[in-house]
Amino acid sequence: MVRIGGYLEPVEHDSLKAYVNGLGITFSSLASLLIHRELKHKRLPSLTIKYTKTVSSSTRRRVTTRLLDDELKLRLSDLAENAGLPIDHAVSILVRTELDERWLENAM
């Protein structure tokens, strides 16, 4: 297993916890789905424009997950690098996007 994560503002972190609890899944499950979705649709470059805000280092909270497939992290890392982002920033963008769009909730 490989670890991957990103940083969120406290209010985003709390929203994420409520969101996954409401869906009845873990953050690890959500993160895997979001990464698979990103690998298929490759929206990261366009999402970067909307989610340019950086998280304050004094208040940020880390979200971390373990992925079953090391290849997922490598592939996401490549996409992040091509978008000019560190991987933790890419993860933050994917999570923030999900909190706004509620793709998984709507799919269920």
N, C-alpha and C. Protein backbone atom coordinates (compact mmCIF):
# COMPACT_ATOMS: atom_id res chain seq x y z
N MET A 1 0.83 -1.18 0.00
CA MET A 1 0.00 0.00 0.00
C MET A 1 0.87 1.25 0.00
N VAL A 2 0.36 2.27 -0.63
CA VAL A 2 1.08 3.53 -0.73
C VAL A 2 0.20 4.65 -0.18
N ARG A 3 0.84 5.58 0.51
CA ARG A 3 0.12 6.71 1.09
C ARG A 3 0.08 7.88 0.13
N ILE A 4 -1.02 8.61 0.20
CA ILE A 4 -1.20 9.80 -0.62
C ILE A 4 -2.11 10.75 0.15
N GLY A 5 -1.92 12.03 -0.03
CA GLY A 5 -2.77 12.97 0.69
C GLY A 5 -2.62 14.38 0.21
N GLY A 6 -3.34 15.25 0.88
CA GLY A 6 -3.30 16.66 0.55
C GLY A 6 -3.74 17.47 1.75
N TYR A 7 -3.79 18.77 1.58
CA TYR A 7 -4.14 19.68 2.67
C TYR A 7 -5.43 20.42 2.36
N LEU A 8 -6.24 20.61 3.40
CA LEU A 8 -7.50 21.33 3.29
C LEU A 8 -7.59 22.36 4.40
N GLU A 9 -8.40 23.37 4.17
CA GLU A 9 -8.75 24.31 5.24
C GLU A 9 -9.61 23.56 6.25
N PRO A 10 -9.64 24.01 7.50
CA PRO A 10 -10.43 23.30 8.52
C PRO A 10 -11.89 23.10 8.14
N VAL A 11 -12.52 24.11 7.55
CA VAL A 11 -13.93 23.96 7.17
C VAL A 11 -14.10 22.93 6.05
N GLU A 12 -13.15 22.86 5.14
CA GLU A 12 -13.17 21.85 4.07
C GLU A 12 -12.97 20.46 4.66
N HIS A 13 -12.06 20.36 5.61
CA HIS A 13 -11.78 19.08 6.26
C HIS A 13 -13.03 18.58 6.97
N ASP A 14 -13.71 19.47 7.68
CA ASP A 14 -14.95 19.09 8.37
C ASP A 14 -16.03 18.69 7.38
N SER A 15 -16.13 19.42 6.26
CA SER A 15 -17.11 19.08 5.22
C SER A 15 -16.81 17.72 4.62
N LEU A 16 -15.54 17.43 4.42
CA LEU A 16 -15.15 16.13 3.87
C LEU A 16 -15.55 15.00 4.81
N LYS A 17 -15.28 15.17 6.09
CA LYS A 17 -15.66 14.14 7.06
C LYS A 17 -17.17 13.90 7.04
N ALA A 18 -17.94 14.98 7.01
CA ALA A 18 -19.39 14.85 6.98
C ALA A 18 -19.85 14.18 5.67
N TYR A 19 -19.21 14.54 4.59
CA TYR A 19 -19.58 13.99 3.28
C TYR A 19 -19.36 12.49 3.22
N VAL A 20 -18.17 12.03 3.58
CA VAL A 20 -17.91 10.58 3.51
C VAL A 20 -18.76 9.82 4.51
N ASN A 21 -18.97 10.40 5.69
CA ASN A 21 -19.85 9.75 6.66
C ASN A 21 -21.27 9.63 6.13
N GLY A 22 -21.75 10.69 5.47
CA GLY A 22 -23.09 10.67 4.89
C GLY A 22 -23.23 9.65 3.77
N LEU A 23 -22.16 9.42 3.06
CA LEU A 23 -22.17 8.42 1.99
C LEU A 23 -21.97 7.00 2.52
N GLY A 24 -21.48 6.91 3.75
CA GLY A 24 -21.22 5.59 4.34
C GLY A 24 -19.98 4.92 3.80
N ILE A 25 -18.99 5.75 3.42
CA ILE A 25 -17.73 5.21 2.90
C ILE A 25 -16.57 5.84 3.66
N THR A 26 -15.38 5.35 3.37
CA THR A 26 -14.18 5.92 3.97
C THR A 26 -13.56 6.93 3.01
N PHE A 27 -12.68 7.77 3.55
CA PHE A 27 -11.97 8.70 2.68
C PHE A 27 -11.11 7.93 1.68
N SER A 28 -10.56 6.81 2.10
CA SER A 28 -9.75 6.00 1.19
C SER A 28 -10.55 5.56 -0.03
N SER A 29 -11.78 5.15 0.20
CA SER A 29 -12.65 4.75 -0.92
C SER A 29 -12.91 5.93 -1.84
N LEU A 30 -13.25 7.06 -1.25
CA LEU A 30 -13.52 8.25 -2.05
C LEU A 30 -12.28 8.67 -2.84
N ALA A 31 -11.14 8.69 -2.18
CA ALA A 31 -9.91 9.12 -2.84
C ALA A 31 -9.59 8.21 -4.03
N SER A 32 -9.73 6.92 -3.86
CA SER A 32 -9.47 5.99 -4.97
C SER A 32 -10.40 6.27 -6.15
N LEU A 33 -11.67 6.49 -5.86
CA LEU A 33 -12.63 6.78 -6.93
C LEU A 33 -12.30 8.10 -7.63
N LEU A 34 -11.95 9.12 -6.84
CA LEU A 34 -11.61 10.42 -7.44
C LEU A 34 -10.37 10.34 -8.31
N ILE A 35 -9.41 9.56 -7.87
CA ILE A 35 -8.18 9.40 -8.67
C ILE A 35 -8.49 8.65 -9.96
N HIS A 36 -9.27 7.58 -9.87
CA HIS A 36 -9.65 6.84 -11.08
C HIS A 36 -10.42 7.75 -12.03
N ARG A 37 -11.30 8.56 -11.48
CA ARG A 37 -12.07 9.49 -12.30
C ARG A 37 -11.13 10.47 -13.00
N GLU A 38 -10.17 10.99 -12.26
CA GLU A 38 -9.23 11.95 -12.84
C GLU A 38 -8.38 11.29 -13.93
N LEU A 39 -7.95 10.08 -13.71
CA LEU A 39 -7.14 9.39 -14.71
C LEU A 39 -7.93 9.18 -16.01
N LYS A 40 -9.23 9.01 -15.88
CA LYS A 40 -10.07 8.81 -17.06
C LYS A 40 -10.37 10.13 -17.77
N HIS A 41 -10.70 11.18 -17.01
CA HIS A 41 -11.19 12.43 -17.60
C HIS A 41 -10.13 13.52 -17.74
N LYS A 42 -9.06 13.41 -16.98
CA LYS A 42 -7.93 14.37 -17.06
C LYS A 42 -8.39 15.83 -17.01
N ARG A 43 -9.09 16.17 -15.95
CA ARG A 43 -9.61 17.52 -15.77
C ARG A 43 -8.68 18.42 -14.95
N LEU A 44 -7.63 17.85 -14.39
CA LEU A 44 -6.78 18.58 -13.46
C LEU A 44 -6.30 19.94 -14.00
N PRO A 45 -5.81 20.02 -15.23
CA PRO A 45 -5.37 21.34 -15.71
C PRO A 45 -6.47 22.40 -15.66
N SER A 46 -7.70 22.03 -16.02
CA SER A 46 -8.78 23.02 -15.97
C SER A 46 -9.24 23.29 -14.54
N LEU A 47 -9.16 22.30 -13.68
CA LEU A 47 -9.55 22.50 -12.28
C LEU A 47 -8.56 23.39 -11.55
N THR A 48 -7.32 23.35 -11.98
CA THR A 48 -6.27 24.15 -11.34
C THR A 48 -6.62 25.64 -11.41
N ILE A 49 -7.25 26.06 -12.48
CA ILE A 49 -7.63 27.46 -12.64
C ILE A 49 -8.64 27.86 -11.56
N LYS A 50 -9.63 27.01 -11.31
CA LYS A 50 -10.67 27.31 -10.33
C LYS A 50 -10.17 27.18 -8.89
N TYR A 51 -9.29 26.25 -8.66
CA TYR A 51 -8.84 25.95 -7.30
C TYR A 51 -7.38 26.37 -7.09
N THR A 52 -7.09 27.61 -7.40
CA THR A 52 -5.73 28.12 -7.26
C THR A 52 -5.38 28.48 -5.82
N LYS A 53 -6.40 28.67 -5.00
CA LYS A 53 -6.18 29.07 -3.61
C LYS A 53 -5.31 28.04 -2.89
N THR A 54 -4.27 28.51 -2.25
CA THR A 54 -3.44 27.62 -1.46
C THR A 54 -3.96 27.60 -0.03
N VAL A 55 -3.68 26.55 0.66
CA VAL A 55 -4.14 26.37 2.03
C VAL A 55 -3.13 26.99 2.97
N SER A 56 -3.60 27.75 3.93
CA SER A 56 -2.73 28.39 4.91
C SER A 56 -1.97 27.33 5.71
N SER A 57 -0.68 27.47 5.76
CA SER A 57 0.12 26.47 6.47
C SER A 57 -0.13 26.50 7.98
N SER A 58 -0.67 27.58 8.49
CA SER A 58 -0.90 27.66 9.94
C SER A 58 -2.20 26.98 10.35
N THR A 59 -3.16 26.85 9.44
CA THR A 59 -4.45 26.28 9.82
C THR A 59 -4.79 24.98 9.08
N ARG A 60 -4.00 24.62 8.10
CA ARG A 60 -4.35 23.49 7.25
C ARG A 60 -4.45 22.18 8.02
N ARG A 61 -5.24 21.28 7.44
CA ARG A 61 -5.37 19.93 7.98
C ARG A 61 -5.08 18.94 6.85
N ARG A 62 -4.37 17.92 7.19
CA ARG A 62 -3.97 16.92 6.20
C ARG A 62 -5.00 15.81 6.11
N VAL A 63 -5.29 15.40 4.90
CA VAL A 63 -6.06 14.19 4.66
C VAL A 63 -5.11 13.20 4.00
N THR A 64 -5.09 12.00 4.51
CA THR A 64 -4.17 10.98 4.00
C THR A 64 -4.93 9.68 3.81
N THR A 65 -4.58 8.97 2.78
CA THR A 65 -5.20 7.68 2.52
C THR A 65 -4.13 6.70 2.07
N ARG A 66 -4.47 5.47 2.13
CA ARG A 66 -3.61 4.41 1.61
C ARG A 66 -4.31 3.81 0.39
N LEU A 67 -3.59 3.79 -0.69
CA LEU A 67 -4.13 3.20 -1.92
C LEU A 67 -3.65 1.77 -2.05
N LEU A 68 -4.52 0.92 -2.54
CA LEU A 68 -4.15 -0.48 -2.73
C LEU A 68 -3.21 -0.66 -3.90
N ASP A 69 -3.25 0.26 -4.84
CA ASP A 69 -2.50 0.12 -6.09
C ASP A 69 -1.45 1.22 -6.18
N ASP A 70 -0.18 0.85 -6.11
CA ASP A 70 0.91 1.82 -6.23
C ASP A 70 0.86 2.56 -7.57
N GLU A 71 0.37 1.88 -8.58
CA GLU A 71 0.30 2.46 -9.92
C GLU A 71 -0.60 3.70 -9.95
N LEU A 72 -1.65 3.72 -9.10
CA LEU A 72 -2.53 4.89 -9.06
C LEU A 72 -1.76 6.14 -8.67
N LYS A 73 -0.92 6.02 -7.67
CA LYS A 73 -0.14 7.18 -7.23
C LYS A 73 0.81 7.63 -8.33
N LEU A 74 1.46 6.69 -8.98
CA LEU A 74 2.39 7.04 -10.06
C LEU A 74 1.68 7.75 -11.21
N ARG A 75 0.53 7.24 -11.58
CA ARG A 75 -0.22 7.85 -12.69
C ARG A 75 -0.74 9.23 -12.31
N LEU A 76 -1.23 9.39 -11.08
CA LEU A 76 -1.68 10.71 -10.63
C LEU A 76 -0.50 11.66 -10.53
N SER A 77 0.62 11.16 -10.07
CA SER A 77 1.82 11.99 -9.98
C SER A 77 2.23 12.53 -11.34
N ASP A 78 2.13 11.70 -12.37
CA ASP A 78 2.43 12.14 -13.73
C ASP A 78 1.47 13.23 -14.18
N LEU A 79 0.17 13.04 -13.91
CA LEU A 79 -0.81 14.06 -14.29
C LEU A 79 -0.55 15.37 -13.55
N ALA A 80 -0.25 15.25 -12.26
CA ALA A 80 0.02 16.45 -11.46
C ALA A 80 1.25 17.18 -11.99
N GLU A 81 2.28 16.43 -12.28
CA GLU A 81 3.51 17.03 -12.80
C GLU A 81 3.26 17.74 -14.12
N ASN A 82 2.47 17.13 -14.99
CA ASN A 82 2.14 17.75 -16.28
C ASN A 82 1.33 19.03 -16.10
N ALA A 83 0.59 19.11 -15.00
CA ALA A 83 -0.19 20.32 -14.70
C ALA A 83 0.62 21.32 -13.89
N GLY A 84 1.88 20.96 -13.58
CA GLY A 84 2.74 21.87 -12.83
C GLY A 84 2.43 21.91 -11.35
N LEU A 85 1.93 20.81 -10.81
CA LEU A 85 1.51 20.75 -9.41
C LEU A 85 2.25 19.66 -8.65
N PRO A 86 2.49 19.89 -7.36
CA PRO A 86 2.91 18.77 -6.52
C PRO A 86 1.70 17.84 -6.31
N ILE A 87 1.96 16.59 -6.07
CA ILE A 87 0.87 15.62 -5.96
C ILE A 87 -0.08 15.95 -4.81
N ASP A 88 0.42 16.47 -3.69
CA ASP A 88 -0.49 16.78 -2.58
C ASP A 88 -1.44 17.92 -2.95
N HIS A 89 -1.00 18.84 -3.78
CA HIS A 89 -1.89 19.91 -4.24
C HIS A 89 -2.94 19.34 -5.19
N ALA A 90 -2.55 18.40 -6.03
CA ALA A 90 -3.50 17.74 -6.94
C ALA A 90 -4.59 17.02 -6.15
N VAL A 91 -4.19 16.31 -5.09
CA VAL A 91 -5.17 15.62 -4.26
C VAL A 91 -6.13 16.63 -3.63
N SER A 92 -5.60 17.73 -3.13
CA SER A 92 -6.45 18.77 -2.54
C SER A 92 -7.46 19.30 -3.56
N ILE A 93 -7.01 19.51 -4.78
CA ILE A 93 -7.91 20.01 -5.83
C ILE A 93 -9.01 18.99 -6.13
N LEU A 94 -8.66 17.72 -6.21
CA LEU A 94 -9.67 16.69 -6.48
C LEU A 94 -10.70 16.63 -5.36
N VAL A 95 -10.25 16.75 -4.12
CA VAL A 95 -11.18 16.71 -2.98
C VAL A 95 -12.06 17.96 -2.97
N ARG A 96 -11.47 19.12 -3.15
CA ARG A 96 -12.26 20.36 -3.18
C ARG A 96 -13.31 20.32 -4.31
N THR A 97 -12.91 19.80 -5.45
CA THR A 97 -13.85 19.68 -6.56
C THR A 97 -15.02 18.79 -6.18
N GLU A 98 -14.72 17.67 -5.55
CA GLU A 98 -15.79 16.75 -5.14
C GLU A 98 -16.71 17.40 -4.12
N LEU A 99 -16.16 18.16 -3.20
CA LEU A 99 -17.01 18.84 -2.21
C LEU A 99 -17.94 19.84 -2.88
N ASP A 100 -17.51 20.44 -3.97
CA ASP A 100 -18.35 21.38 -4.71
C ASP A 100 -19.34 20.67 -5.64
N GLU A 101 -18.87 19.66 -6.36
CA GLU A 101 -19.70 19.01 -7.38
C GLU A 101 -20.58 17.88 -6.84
N ARG A 102 -20.10 17.20 -5.82
CA ARG A 102 -20.83 16.06 -5.25
C ARG A 102 -21.11 14.98 -6.31
N TRP A 103 -20.11 14.71 -7.14
CA TRP A 103 -20.24 13.74 -8.20
C TRP A 103 -20.67 12.37 -7.67
N LEU A 104 -19.97 11.86 -6.66
CA LEU A 104 -20.29 10.52 -6.16
C LEU A 104 -21.67 10.47 -5.53
N GLU A 105 -21.98 11.46 -4.76
CA GLU A 105 -23.31 11.52 -4.12
C GLU A 105 -24.40 11.51 -5.19
N ASN A 106 -24.22 12.30 -6.24
CA ASN A 106 -25.22 12.35 -7.32
C ASN A 106 -25.27 11.04 -8.11
N ALA A 107 -24.13 10.38 -8.22
CA ALA A 107 -24.10 9.10 -8.94
C ALA A 107 -24.83 8.00 -8.17
N MET A 108 -24.85 8.15 -6.86
CA MET A 108 -25.51 7.12 -6.03
C MET A 108 -27.00 7.33 -6.05
